[in-house]
C-alpha atoms as a PDB file:
ATOM      1  CA  UNK A   1       0.000   0.000   0.000  1.00  0.00           C
ATOM      2  CA  UNK A   2       1.426   3.382  -0.975  1.00  0.00           C
ATOM      3  CA  UNK A   3       1.695   6.742   0.765  1.00  0.00           C
ATOM      4  CA  UNK A   4       1.994   5.406   4.294  1.00  0.00           C
ATOM      5  CA  UNK A   5       4.193   6.900   6.992  1.00  0.00           C
ATOM      6  CA  UNK A   6       3.654   3.909   9.291  1.00  0.00           C
ATOM      7  CA  UNK A   7       3.295   0.202   8.628  1.00  0.00           C
ATOM      8  CA  UNK A   8       1.142  -0.358  11.713  1.00  0.00           C
ATOM      9  CA  UNK A   9      -0.625   2.009  14.109  1.00  0.00           C
ATOM     10  CA  UNK A  10      -1.662   0.214  17.302  1.00  0.00           C
ATOM     11  CA  UNK A  11      -4.183   1.417  19.846  1.00  0.00           C
ATOM     12  CA  UNK A  12      -3.949  -0.330  23.198  1.00  0.00           C
ATOM     13  CA  UNK A  13      -3.214  -0.375  26.891  1.00  0.00           C
ATOM     14  CA  UNK A  14      -0.029   1.430  27.930  1.00  0.00           C
ATOM     15  CA  UNK A  15       1.143  -0.726  30.822  1.00  0.00           C
ATOM     16  CA  UNK A  16       4.299  -1.479  32.734  1.00  0.00           C
ATOM     17  CA  UNK A  17       4.729  -5.194  33.451  1.00  0.00           C
ATOM     18  CA  UNK A  18       6.034  -6.401  36.806  1.00  0.00           C
ATOM     19  CA  UNK A  19       7.181 -10.005  36.306  1.00  0.00           C
ATOM     20  CA  UNK A  20       8.045 -12.490  39.038  1.00  0.00           C
ATOM     21  CA  UNK A  21       8.336 -16.271  39.294  1.00  0.00           C
ATOM     22  CA  UNK A  22       6.408 -18.440  41.742  1.00  0.00           C
ATOM     23  CA  UNK A  23       5.047 -21.936  42.220  1.00  0.00           C
ATOM     24  CA  UNK A  24       1.460 -22.667  41.202  1.00  0.00           C
ATOM     25  CA  UNK A  25       0.651 -22.974  44.913  1.00  0.00           C
ATOM     26  CA  UNK A  26       1.190 -19.205  45.255  1.00  0.00           C
ATOM     27  CA  UNK A  27      -1.658 -18.597  42.818  1.00  0.00           C
ATOM     28  CA  UNK A  28      -3.876 -21.177  44.525  1.00  0.00           C
ATOM     29  CA  UNK A  29      -3.310 -19.710  47.980  1.00  0.00           C
ATOM     30  CA  UNK A  30      -4.381 -16.268  46.762  1.00  0.00           C
ATOM     31  CA  UNK A  31      -7.321 -17.527  44.653  1.00  0.00           C
ATOM     32  CA  UNK A  32      -5.800 -16.337  41.376  1.00  0.00           C
ATOM     33  CA  UNK A  33      -6.855 -18.478  38.377  1.00  0.00           C
ATOM     34  CA  UNK A  34      -3.697 -19.851  36.762  1.00  0.00           C
ATOM     35  CA  UNK A  35      -2.990 -18.878  33.144  1.00  0.00           C
ATOM     36  CA  UNK A  36      -5.587 -16.110  32.947  1.00  0.00           C
ATOM     37  CA  UNK A  37      -5.684 -12.323  32.756  1.00  0.00           C
ATOM     38  CA  UNK A  38      -7.955 -10.561  35.231  1.00  0.00           C
ATOM     39  CA  UNK A  39      -8.640  -6.917  35.927  1.00  0.00           C
ATOM     40  CA  UNK A  40      -8.032  -5.685  39.472  1.00  0.00           C
ATOM     41  CA  UNK A  41      -8.646  -2.448  41.370  1.00  0.00           C
ATOM     42  CA  UNK A  42      -5.950  -0.123  42.703  1.00  0.00           C
ATOM     43  CA  UNK A  43      -6.046  -1.542  46.259  1.00  0.00           C
ATOM     44  CA  UNK A  44      -5.729  -5.131  45.021  1.00  0.00           C
ATOM     45  CA  UNK A  45      -2.820  -4.073  42.796  1.00  0.00           C
ATOM     46  CA  UNK A  46      -1.019  -2.616  45.803  1.00  0.00           C
ATOM     47  CA  UNK A  47      -1.698  -5.721  47.918  1.00  0.00           C
ATOM     48  CA  UNK A  48      -0.548  -8.161  45.239  1.00  0.00           C
ATOM     49  CA  UNK A  49       2.551  -6.107  44.456  1.00  0.00           C
ATOM     50  CA  UNK A  50       3.442  -6.285  48.143  1.00  0.00           C
ATOM     51  CA  UNK A  51       3.294 -10.088  48.356  1.00  0.00           C
ATOM     52  CA  UNK A  52       4.912 -10.900  44.992  1.00  0.00           C
ATOM     53  CA  UNK A  53       8.563 -11.884  45.016  1.00  0.00           C
ATOM     54  CA  UNK A  54      11.311  -9.721  43.573  1.00  0.00           C
ATOM     55  CA  UNK A  55      10.165  -8.658  40.135  1.00  0.00           C
ATOM     56  CA  UNK A  56      11.481  -7.337  36.850  1.00  0.00           C
ATOM     57  CA  UNK A  57       9.805  -4.167  35.561  1.00  0.00           C
ATOM     58  CA  UNK A  58       9.500  -3.774  31.803  1.00  0.00           C
ATOM     59  CA  UNK A  59       7.138  -1.765  29.624  1.00  0.00           C
ATOM     60  CA  UNK A  60       4.314  -3.891  28.310  1.00  0.00           C
ATOM     61  CA  UNK A  61       0.733  -3.824  27.137  1.00  0.00           C
ATOM     62  CA  UNK A  62      -0.426  -6.252  24.447  1.00  0.00           C
ATOM     63  CA  UNK A  63      -0.533  -3.973  21.391  1.00  0.00           C
ATOM     64  CA  UNK A  64       2.493  -2.031  22.659  1.00  0.00           C
ATOM     65  CA  UNK A  65       4.459  -5.292  22.732  1.00  0.00           C
ATOM     66  CA  UNK A  66       3.322  -5.937  19.165  1.00  0.00           C
ATOM     67  CA  UNK A  67       4.537  -2.615  17.778  1.00  0.00           C
ATOM     68  CA  UNK A  68       7.825  -2.914  19.700  1.00  0.00           C
ATOM     69  CA  UNK A  69       8.268  -6.249  17.923  1.00  0.00           C
ATOM     70  CA  UNK A  70       7.447  -4.687  14.558  1.00  0.00           C
ATOM     71  CA  UNK A  71      10.090  -2.028  15.177  1.00  0.00           C
ATOM     72  CA  UNK A  72      12.605  -4.750  16.073  1.00  0.00           C
ATOM     73  CA  UNK A  73      11.907  -6.347  12.689  1.00  0.00           C
ATOM     74  CA  UNK A  74      12.701  -3.086  10.901  1.00  0.00           C
ATOM     75  CA  UNK A  75       9.117  -1.893  10.524  1.00  0.00           C
ATOM     76  CA  UNK A  76       7.648   1.577  11.028  1.00  0.00           C
ATOM     77  CA  UNK A  77       5.104   1.413  13.862  1.00  0.00           C
ATOM     78  CA  UNK A  78       3.217   3.982  15.920  1.00  0.00           C
ATOM     79  CA  UNK A  79       1.272   3.589  19.159  1.00  0.00           C
ATOM     80  CA  UNK A  80      -1.618   5.357  20.866  1.00  0.00           C
ATOM     81  CA  UNK A  81      -2.129   4.681  24.581  1.00  0.00           C
ATOM     82  CA  UNK A  82      -2.657   6.682  27.757  1.00  0.00           C
ATOM     83  CA  UNK A  83      -0.213   6.956  30.649  1.00  0.00           C
ATOM     84  CA  UNK A  84      -0.105   9.301  33.651  1.00  0.00           C
ATOM     85  CA  UNK A  85       2.555  11.909  34.358  1.00  0.00           C
ATOM     86  CA  UNK A  86       4.271   9.674  36.911  1.00  0.00           C
ATOM     87  CA  UNK A  87       7.379   7.498  37.161  1.00  0.00           C
ATOM     88  CA  UNK A  88       5.873   4.444  35.459  1.00  0.00           C
ATOM     89  CA  UNK A  89       4.443   6.691  32.740  1.00  0.00           C
ATOM     90  CA  UNK A  90       7.915   8.053  32.053  1.00  0.00           C
ATOM     91  CA  UNK A  91       9.316   4.513  31.979  1.00  0.00           C
ATOM     92  CA  UNK A  92       6.703   3.425  29.449  1.00  0.00           C
ATOM     93  CA  UNK A  93       7.174   6.428  27.162  1.00  0.00           C
ATOM     94  CA  UNK A  94      10.959   6.139  27.242  1.00  0.00           C
ATOM     95  CA  UNK A  95      10.948   2.408  26.543  1.00  0.00           C
ATOM     96  CA  UNK A  96       8.525   2.451  23.630  1.00  0.00           C
ATOM     97  CA  UNK A  97      10.270   5.370  21.933  1.00  0.00           C
ATOM     98  CA  UNK A  98      13.668   3.775  22.503  1.00  0.00           C
ATOM     99  CA  UNK A  99      12.307   0.649  20.805  1.00  0.00           C
ATOM    100  CA  UNK A 100      11.688   2.696  17.656  1.00  0.00           C
ATOM    101  CA  UNK A 101       7.937   3.281  18.004  1.00  0.00           C
ATOM    102  CA  UNK A 102       6.359   6.689  17.378  1.00  0.00           C
ATOM    103  CA  UNK A 103       4.428   7.640  20.541  1.00  0.00           C
ATOM    104  CA  UNK A 104       2.960  11.075  21.146  1.00  0.00           C
ATOM    105  CA  UNK A 105      -0.137  10.566  23.337  1.00  0.00           C
ATOM    106  CA  UNK A 106       0.162  13.227  26.082  1.00  0.00           C
ATOM    107  CA  UNK A 107       0.478  11.989  29.673  1.00  0.00           C
ATOM    108  CA  UNK A 108      -2.391  12.716  32.070  1.00  0.00           C
ATOM    109  CA  UNK A 109      -1.579  15.219  34.802  1.00  0.00           C
ATOM    110  CA  UNK A 110      -4.757  14.540  36.795  1.00  0.00           C
ATOM    111  CA  UNK A 111      -6.486  11.211  37.270  1.00  0.00           C
ATOM    112  CA  UNK A 112      -5.459   7.615  37.952  1.00  0.00           C
ATOM    113  CA  UNK A 113      -1.813   6.477  37.808  1.00  0.00           C
ATOM    114  CA  UNK A 114      -0.189   4.619  34.939  1.00  0.00           C
ATOM    115  CA  UNK A 115      -1.516   1.082  34.570  1.00  0.00           C
ATOM    116  CA  UNK A 116       0.520  -1.940  35.501  1.00  0.00           C
ATOM    117  CA  UNK A 117       0.285  -5.683  34.879  1.00  0.00           C
ATOM    118  CA  UNK A 118       1.453  -7.956  37.700  1.00  0.00           C
ATOM    119  CA  UNK A 119       2.644 -11.188  36.080  1.00  0.00           C
ATOM    120  CA  UNK A 120       3.408 -14.450  37.884  1.00  0.00           C
ATOM    121  CA  UNK A 121       5.318 -16.997  35.809  1.00  0.00           C
ATOM    122  CA  UNK A 122       5.124 -20.597  37.042  1.00  0.00           C
ATOM    123  CA  UNK A 123       7.838 -23.242  36.445  1.00  0.00           C
ATOM    124  CA  UNK A 124       5.955 -24.566  33.389  1.00  0.00           C
ATOM    125  CA  UNK A 125       6.409 -21.163  31.691  1.00  0.00           C
ATOM    126  CA  UNK A 126       2.710 -20.293  31.997  1.00  0.00           C
ATOM    127  CA  UNK A 127       1.896 -16.675  32.870  1.00  0.00           C
ATOM    128  CA  UNK A 128      -0.910 -15.382  35.057  1.00  0.00           C
ATOM    129  CA  UNK A 129      -1.698 -11.680  34.784  1.00  0.00           C
ATOM    130  CA  UNK A 130      -3.442  -9.341  37.213  1.00  0.00           C
ATOM    131  CA  UNK A 131      -3.937  -5.975  35.547  1.00  0.00           C
ATOM    132  CA  UNK A 132      -4.714  -2.565  36.991  1.00  0.00           C
ATOM    133  CA  UNK A 133      -5.618  -0.423  33.995  1.00  0.00           C
ATOM    134  CA  UNK A 134      -5.391   2.974  35.684  1.00  0.00           C
ATOM    135  CA  UNK A 135      -4.787   5.745  33.149  1.00  0.00           C
ATOM    136  CA  UNK A 136      -5.358   3.340  30.213  1.00  0.00           C
ATOM    137  CA  UNK A 137      -9.097   3.669  30.705  1.00  0.00           C
ATOM    138  CA  UNK A 138      -8.928   7.407  30.073  1.00  0.00           C
ATOM    139  CA  UNK A 139      -7.908   7.067  26.409  1.00  0.00           C
ATOM    140  CA  UNK A 140     -10.497   9.064  24.489  1.00  0.00           C
ATOM    141  CA  UNK A 141     -11.577   9.924  20.949  1.00  0.00           C
ATOM    142  CA  UNK A 142      -9.539  13.126  21.226  1.00  0.00           C
ATOM    143  CA  UNK A 143      -6.384  10.981  21.407  1.00  0.00           C
ATOM    144  CA  UNK A 144      -7.027   9.549  17.940  1.00  0.00           C
ATOM    145  CA  UNK A 145      -5.263  11.676  15.318  1.00  0.00           C
ATOM    146  CA  UNK A 146      -7.081  11.140  11.999  1.00  0.00           C
ATOM    147  CA  UNK A 147      -3.974  12.029  10.000  1.00  0.00           C
ATOM    148  CA  UNK A 148      -1.892   9.361  11.747  1.00  0.00           C
ATOM    149  CA  UNK A 149      -4.619   6.748  11.149  1.00  0.00           C
ATOM    150  CA  UNK A 150      -4.774   7.663   7.470  1.00  0.00           C
ATOM    151  CA  UNK A 151      -0.983   7.528   7.236  1.00  0.00           C
ATOM    152  CA  UNK A 152      -0.824   3.935   8.539  1.00  0.00           C
ATOM    153  CA  UNK A 153      -1.113   0.836   6.344  1.00  0.00           C
ATOM    154  CA  UNK A 154      -2.718  -1.188   9.113  1.00  0.00           C
ATOM    155  CA  UNK A 155      -4.675  -0.139  12.214  1.00  0.00           C
ATOM    156  CA  UNK A 156      -4.242  -2.722  14.988  1.00  0.00           C
ATOM    157  CA  UNK A 157      -6.557  -2.838  18.019  1.00  0.00           C
ATOM    158  CA  UNK A 158      -6.476  -4.982  21.153  1.00  0.00           C
ATOM    159  CA  UNK A 159      -9.552  -6.581  22.690  1.00  0.00           C
ATOM    160  CA  UNK A 160      -8.271  -5.833  26.192  1.00  0.00           C
ATOM    161  CA  UNK A 161      -8.968  -2.124  25.593  1.00  0.00           C
ATOM    162  CA  UNK A 162     -12.538  -2.814  24.482  1.00  0.00           C
ATOM    163  CA  UNK A 163     -13.657  -3.311  28.092  1.00  0.00           C
ATOM    164  CA  UNK A 164     -13.697   0.326  29.304  1.00  0.00           C
ATOM    165  CA  UNK A 165     -16.322   2.440  27.501  1.00  0.00           C
ATOM    166  CA  UNK A 166     -14.302   5.572  26.729  1.00  0.00           C
ATOM    167  CA  UNK A 167     -11.437   3.792  24.896  1.00  0.00           C
ATOM    168  CA  UNK A 168     -13.994   1.679  23.039  1.00  0.00           C
ATOM    169  CA  UNK A 169     -15.415   4.855  21.504  1.00  0.00           C
ATOM    170  CA  UNK A 170     -11.877   5.914  20.573  1.00  0.00           C
ATOM    171  CA  UNK A 171     -11.277   2.613  18.789  1.00  0.00           C
ATOM    172  CA  UNK A 172     -14.576   2.819  16.924  1.00  0.00           C
ATOM    173  CA  UNK A 173     -13.538   6.278  15.714  1.00  0.00           C
ATOM    174  CA  UNK A 174     -10.163   4.940  14.569  1.00  0.00           C
ATOM    175  CA  UNK A 175     -11.869   2.080  12.696  1.00  0.00           C
ATOM    176  CA  UNK A 176     -14.171   4.514  10.865  1.00  0.00           C
ATOM    177  CA  UNK A 177     -11.241   6.694   9.808  1.00  0.00           C
ATOM    178  CA  UNK A 178      -9.157   3.713   8.665  1.00  0.00           C
ATOM    179  CA  UNK A 179     -12.021   2.195   6.679  1.00  0.00           C
ATOM    180  CA  UNK A 180     -12.791   5.511   4.986  1.00  0.00           C
ATOM    181  CA  UNK A 181      -9.119   5.849   4.039  1.00  0.00           C
ATOM    182  CA  UNK A 182      -8.970   2.339   2.575  1.00  0.00           C
ATOM    183  CA  UNK A 183      -6.578   1.095   5.257  1.00  0.00           C
ATOM    184  CA  UNK A 184      -6.588  -2.404   6.728  1.00  0.00           C
ATOM    185  CA  UNK A 185      -7.959  -2.982  10.234  1.00  0.00           C
ATOM    186  CA  UNK A 186      -6.632  -5.801  12.444  1.00  0.00           C
ATOM    187  CA  UNK A 187      -8.037  -6.830  15.821  1.00  0.00           C
ATOM    188  CA  UNK A 188      -6.965  -9.313  18.478  1.00  0.00           C
ATOM    189  CA  UNK A 189      -9.514 -11.054  20.697  1.00  0.00           C
ATOM    190  CA  UNK A 190      -6.924 -10.862  23.529  1.00  0.00           C
ATOM    191  CA  UNK A 191      -8.487 -13.172  26.130  1.00  0.00           C
ATOM    192  CA  UNK A 192     -11.468 -15.449  26.756  1.00  0.00           C
ATOM    193  CA  UNK A 193     -12.855 -13.012  29.336  1.00  0.00           C
ATOM    194  CA  UNK A 194     -12.827 -10.254  26.693  1.00  0.00           C
ATOM    195  CA  UNK A 195     -14.686 -12.524  24.275  1.00  0.00           C
ATOM    196  CA  UNK A 196     -17.288 -13.541  26.832  1.00  0.00           C
ATOM    197  CA  UNK A 197     -17.861  -9.934  27.847  1.00  0.00           C
ATOM    198  CA  UNK A 198     -18.094  -8.496  24.337  1.00  0.00           C
ATOM    199  CA  UNK A 199     -19.054 -11.388  22.054  1.00  0.00           C
ATOM    200  CA  UNK A 200     -21.727  -9.471  20.138  1.00  0.00           C
ATOM    201  CA  UNK A 201     -19.413  -6.516  19.544  1.00  0.00           C
ATOM    202  CA  UNK A 202     -16.586  -8.757  18.364  1.00  0.00           C
ATOM    203  CA  UNK A 203     -18.865 -10.676  16.019  1.00  0.00           C
ATOM    204  CA  UNK A 204     -20.099  -7.337  14.724  1.00  0.00           C
ATOM    205  CA  UNK A 205     -16.525  -6.243  14.037  1.00  0.00           C
ATOM    206  CA  UNK A 206     -15.957  -9.460  12.092  1.00  0.00           C
ATOM    207  CA  UNK A 207     -18.980  -8.661   9.965  1.00  0.00           C
ATOM    208  CA  UNK A 208     -17.292  -5.973   7.902  1.00  0.00           C
ATOM    209  CA  UNK A 209     -15.198  -3.688  10.085  1.00  0.00           C
ATOM    210  CA  UNK A 210     -12.090  -5.830  10.569  1.00  0.00           C
ATOM    211  CA  UNK A 211      -9.841  -7.304   7.852  1.00  0.00           C
ATOM    212  CA  UNK A 212      -7.606  -9.450  10.080  1.00  0.00           C
ATOM    213  CA  UNK A 213      -8.781 -11.128  13.287  1.00  0.00           C
ATOM    214  CA  UNK A 214      -6.315 -12.780  15.682  1.00  0.00           C
ATOM    215  CA  UNK A 215      -7.323 -15.268  18.364  1.00  0.00           C
ATOM    216  CA  UNK A 216      -5.989 -18.360  20.080  1.00  0.00           C
ATOM    217  CA  UNK A 217      -7.968 -21.572  19.986  1.00  0.00           C
ATOM    218  CA  UNK A 218      -9.633 -20.968  23.361  1.00  0.00           C
ATOM    219  CA  UNK A 219     -10.748 -17.478  22.364  1.00  0.00           C
ATOM    220  CA  UNK A 220     -12.122 -18.680  19.034  1.00  0.00           C
ATOM    221  CA  UNK A 221     -14.060 -21.488  20.726  1.00  0.00           C
ATOM    222  CA  UNK A 222     -15.456 -18.985  23.218  1.00  0.00           C
ATOM    223  CA  UNK A 223     -16.472 -16.638  20.415  1.00  0.00           C
ATOM    224  CA  UNK A 224     -18.748 -19.282  18.900  1.00  0.00           C
ATOM    225  CA  UNK A 225     -19.729 -20.970  22.189  1.00  0.00           C
ATOM    226  CA  UNK A 226     -18.411 -24.376  21.209  1.00  0.00           C
ATOM    227  CA  UNK A 227     -15.859 -26.838  22.576  1.00  0.00           C
ATOM    228  CA  UNK A 228     -15.058 -28.042  19.054  1.00  0.00           C
ATOM    229  CA  UNK A 229     -12.285 -26.064  17.370  1.00  0.00           C
ATOM    230  CA  UNK A 230     -13.167 -27.224  13.843  1.00  0.00           C
ATOM    231  CA  UNK A 231     -16.721 -25.985  14.307  1.00  0.00           C
ATOM    232  CA  UNK A 232     -15.430 -22.641  15.591  1.00  0.00           C
ATOM    233  CA  UNK A 233     -12.986 -22.256  12.715  1.00  0.00           C
ATOM    234  CA  UNK A 234     -15.671 -23.119  10.178  1.00  0.00           C
ATOM    235  CA  UNK A 235     -17.817 -20.330  11.614  1.00  0.00           C
ATOM    236  CA  UNK A 236     -14.833 -17.996  11.638  1.00  0.00           C
ATOM    237  CA  UNK A 237     -14.173 -18.776   7.981  1.00  0.00           C
ATOM    238  CA  UNK A 238     -17.690 -17.588   7.152  1.00  0.00           C
ATOM    239  CA  UNK A 239     -17.265 -14.230   8.857  1.00  0.00           C
ATOM    240  CA  UNK A 240     -13.608 -13.193   8.666  1.00  0.00           C
ATOM    241  CA  UNK A 241     -11.705 -11.818   5.694  1.00  0.00           C
ATOM    242  CA  UNK A 242      -8.465 -13.103   7.240  1.00  0.00           C
ATOM    243  CA  UNK A 243      -8.571 -15.087  10.486  1.00  0.00           C
ATOM    244  CA  UNK A 244      -5.443 -16.154  12.335  1.00  0.00           C
ATOM    245  CA  UNK A 245      -5.849 -18.870  14.976  1.00  0.00           C
ATOM    246  CA  UNK A 246      -2.811 -19.551  17.143  1.00  0.00           C
ATOM    247  CA  UNK A 247      -2.473 -22.992  18.752  1.00  0.00           C
ATOM    248  CA  UNK A 248       0.622 -22.796  20.982  1.00  0.00           C
ATOM    249  CA  UNK A 249       2.968 -25.689  20.152  1.00  0.00           C
ATOM    250  CA  UNK A 250       0.628 -26.810  17.358  1.00  0.00           C
ATOM    251  CA  UNK A 251       1.435 -23.703  15.348  1.00  0.00           C
ATOM    252  CA  UNK A 252      -1.183 -21.533  13.669  1.00  0.00           C
ATOM    253  CA  UNK A 253      -3.960 -21.706  11.114  1.00  0.00           C
ATOM    254  CA  UNK A 254      -4.681 -18.857   8.699  1.00  0.00           C
ATOM    255  CA  UNK A 255      -8.127 -18.831   7.142  1.00  0.00           C
ATOM    256  CA  UNK A 256      -8.806 -16.614   4.128  1.00  0.00           C
ATOM    257  CA  UNK A 257     -10.715 -16.788   0.857  1.00  0.00           C
ATOM    258  CA  UNK A 258     -12.078 -20.235   1.579  1.00  0.00           C
ATOM    259  CA  UNK A 259      -8.598 -21.657   2.176  1.00  0.00           C
ATOM    260  CA  UNK A 260      -6.843 -22.825   5.339  1.00  0.00           C
ATOM    261  CA  UNK A 261      -3.097 -22.612   5.745  1.00  0.00           C
ATOM    262  CA  UNK A 262      -1.719 -24.660   8.661  1.00  0.00           C
ATOM    263  CA  UNK A 263       1.749 -23.510   9.701  1.00  0.00           C
ATOM    264  CA  UNK A 264       3.693 -25.503  12.309  1.00  0.00           C
ATOM    265  CA  UNK A 265       5.232 -23.871  15.356  1.00  0.00           C
ATOM    266  CA  UNK A 266       8.886 -22.909  15.265  1.00  0.00           C
ATOM    267  CA  UNK A 267      11.141 -25.068  17.454  1.00  0.00           C
ATOM    268  CA  UNK A 268      12.006 -23.728  20.911  1.00  0.00           C
ATOM    269  CA  UNK A 269      14.768 -25.279  23.010  1.00  0.00           C
ATOM    270  CA  UNK A 270      13.063 -24.339  26.269  1.00  0.00           C
ATOM    271  CA  UNK A 271       9.871 -22.439  27.043  1.00  0.00           C
ATOM    272  CA  UNK A 272      10.755 -19.964  29.772  1.00  0.00           C
ATOM    273  CA  UNK A 273       7.845 -17.500  29.799  1.00  0.00           C
ATOM    274  CA  UNK A 274       4.838 -17.367  27.481  1.00  0.00           C
ATOM    275  CA  UNK A 275       4.147 -13.693  28.265  1.00  0.00           C
ATOM    276  CA  UNK A 276       3.769 -11.858  24.971  1.00  0.00           C
ATOM    277  CA  UNK A 277       3.689 -14.950  22.744  1.00  0.00           C
ATOM    278  CA  UNK A 278       0.498 -13.856  21.015  1.00  0.00           C
ATOM    279  CA  UNK A 279       1.629 -10.225  20.897  1.00  0.00           C
ATOM    280  CA  UNK A 280       4.837 -11.114  19.085  1.00  0.00           C
ATOM    281  CA  UNK A 281       3.075 -13.541  16.776  1.00  0.00           C
ATOM    282  CA  UNK A 282       0.908 -10.607  15.708  1.00  0.00           C
ATOM    283  CA  UNK A 283       4.058  -8.497  15.304  1.00  0.00           C
ATOM    284  CA  UNK A 284       5.628 -10.975  12.919  1.00  0.00           C
ATOM    285  CA  UNK A 285       2.411 -11.528  11.012  1.00  0.00           C
ATOM    286  CA  UNK A 286       1.563  -7.838  10.580  1.00  0.00           C
ATOM    287  CA  UNK A 287       5.135  -6.897   9.727  1.00  0.00           C
ATOM    288  CA  UNK A 288       5.181  -9.471   6.938  1.00  0.00           C
ATOM    289  CA  UNK A 289       1.666  -8.508   5.808  1.00  0.00           C
ATOM    290  CA  UNK A 290       2.681  -4.853   5.528  1.00  0.00           C
ATOM    291  CA  UNK A 291       5.653  -5.971   3.440  1.00  0.00           C
ATOM    292  CA  UNK A 292       3.319  -7.768   1.031  1.00  0.00           C
ATOM    293  CA  UNK A 293       4.213 -11.337   2.024  1.00  0.00           C
ATOM    294  CA  UNK A 294       1.896 -14.285   1.348  1.00  0.00           C
ATOM    295  CA  UNK A 295      -0.276 -15.323   4.293  1.00  0.00           C
ATOM    296  CA  UNK A 296       1.611 -18.552   5.116  1.00  0.00           C
ATOM    297  CA  UNK A 297       4.839 -16.529   5.278  1.00  0.00           C
ATOM    298  CA  UNK A 298       3.107 -14.005   7.541  1.00  0.00           C
ATOM    299  CA  UNK A 299       2.269 -16.862   9.909  1.00  0.00           C
ATOM    300  CA  UNK A 300       5.854 -18.181   9.722  1.00  0.00           C
ATOM    301  CA  UNK A 301       7.189 -14.724  10.624  1.00  0.00           C
ATOM    302  CA  UNK A 302       4.756 -14.684  13.536  1.00  0.00           C
ATOM    303  CA  UNK A 303       5.987 -18.089  14.655  1.00  0.00           C
ATOM    304  CA  UNK A 304       9.624 -16.960  14.588  1.00  0.00           C
ATOM    305  CA  UNK A 305       8.892 -13.880  16.685  1.00  0.00           C
ATOM    306  CA  UNK A 306       6.743 -15.875  19.114  1.00  0.00           C
ATOM    307  CA  UNK A 307       9.422 -18.543  19.518  1.00  0.00           C
ATOM    308  CA  UNK A 308      12.037 -15.913  20.374  1.00  0.00           C
ATOM    309  CA  UNK A 309       9.860 -14.222  22.983  1.00  0.00           C
ATOM    310  CA  UNK A 310       8.953 -17.403  24.911  1.00  0.00           C
ATOM    311  CA  UNK A 311      12.622 -18.365  25.214  1.00  0.00           C
ATOM    312  CA  UNK A 312      13.229 -15.668  27.858  1.00  0.00           C
ATOM    313  CA  UNK A 313      11.372 -13.609  30.463  1.00  0.00           C
ATOM    314  CA  UNK A 314       9.360 -10.607  29.337  1.00  0.00           C
ATOM    315  CA  UNK A 315       7.499  -9.609  26.204  1.00  0.00           C
ATOM    316  CA  UNK A 316      10.149  -7.485  24.512  1.00  0.00           C
ATOM    317  CA  UNK A 317      12.618  -9.216  22.202  1.00  0.00           C
ATOM    318  CA  UNK A 318      16.207  -9.918  23.236  1.00  0.00           C
ATOM    319  CA  UNK A 319      17.371 -11.610  20.030  1.00  0.00           C
ATOM    320  CA  UNK A 320      17.699 -10.079  16.554  1.00  0.00           C
ATOM    321  CA  UNK A 321      14.149 -10.557  15.308  1.00  0.00           C
ATOM    322  CA  UNK A 322      14.869  -8.992  11.941  1.00  0.00           C
ATOM    323  CA  UNK A 323      17.688 -11.451  11.269  1.00  0.00           C
ATOM    324  CA  UNK A 324      15.710 -14.417  12.614  1.00  0.00           C
ATOM    325  CA  UNK A 325      12.724 -13.682  10.375  1.00  0.00           C
ATOM    326  CA  UNK A 326      14.935 -13.026   7.353  1.00  0.00           C
ATOM    327  CA  UNK A 327      16.728 -16.338   7.886  1.00  0.00           C
ATOM    328  CA  UNK A 328      13.398 -18.179   8.087  1.00  0.00           C
ATOM    329  CA  UNK A 329      11.641 -16.529   5.148  1.00  0.00           C
ATOM    330  CA  UNK A 330      14.622 -15.867   2.932  1.00  0.00           C
END
């Protein structure tokens, strides 16, 4: 696509991740469902932060992780997300800009603090997230710059941000602008709880507002209220222009134009932390899509990026993603 300043513009939660390791018994003793993402209030965030072990702080947020990955692959991404004028807000802004992502959303002077995601990684590499959204929920339509949307090949939105009402209106505005400008719109279902809370909205987005829909197999099953993945994917094939279903170590399936492309997972010597696996898969996929690659190659690029991210702690790449993808795709 011509005349674009950015390959991908993402709209999402601007969060700082606090990552620690613990046994599954820690989650059980505090009634935290293992392997899920849940929203918590400010007081619960403070309490949980106090009882977690020593943690590593790194800028996160699902769509923010995706655009950081796109930048690492040599792409031209931009991000819209709300932080507060506080220490964590400064950390987030510094990190995402240093990663090579354009970020100009002004920090809030008044209101809730910058959001944070408290992540517990168990010995099996599974991650359990407790998220305090804070300032994220204040993202408004005024934060959407129509010129930046029009100047981006692909608009990418995260389902996590669909929960609060004000950001939802901002994303709907961004979708309208992108569609009117002939730009592609991509959306990630994010989590089963997002799907269950906003199923009708997400199905509505599939019905003509979104070009590329990402979801893992659990999210896709939840979307169509079925335990059978084939049934869910058959329904998805009827509604989505391009649907991307990730299946952990089983790889991914891309559904488009009546065809299914099954792409195996990339080999990983050891799974350390699955935080950001889906985010980086989307990064690889969208980066390749913006470059005009065929859909199976987009999924392979996603698999390479995902494999790199689960080989270490945190959702920001440590290896040379650009080189890894180039070596895989040629």
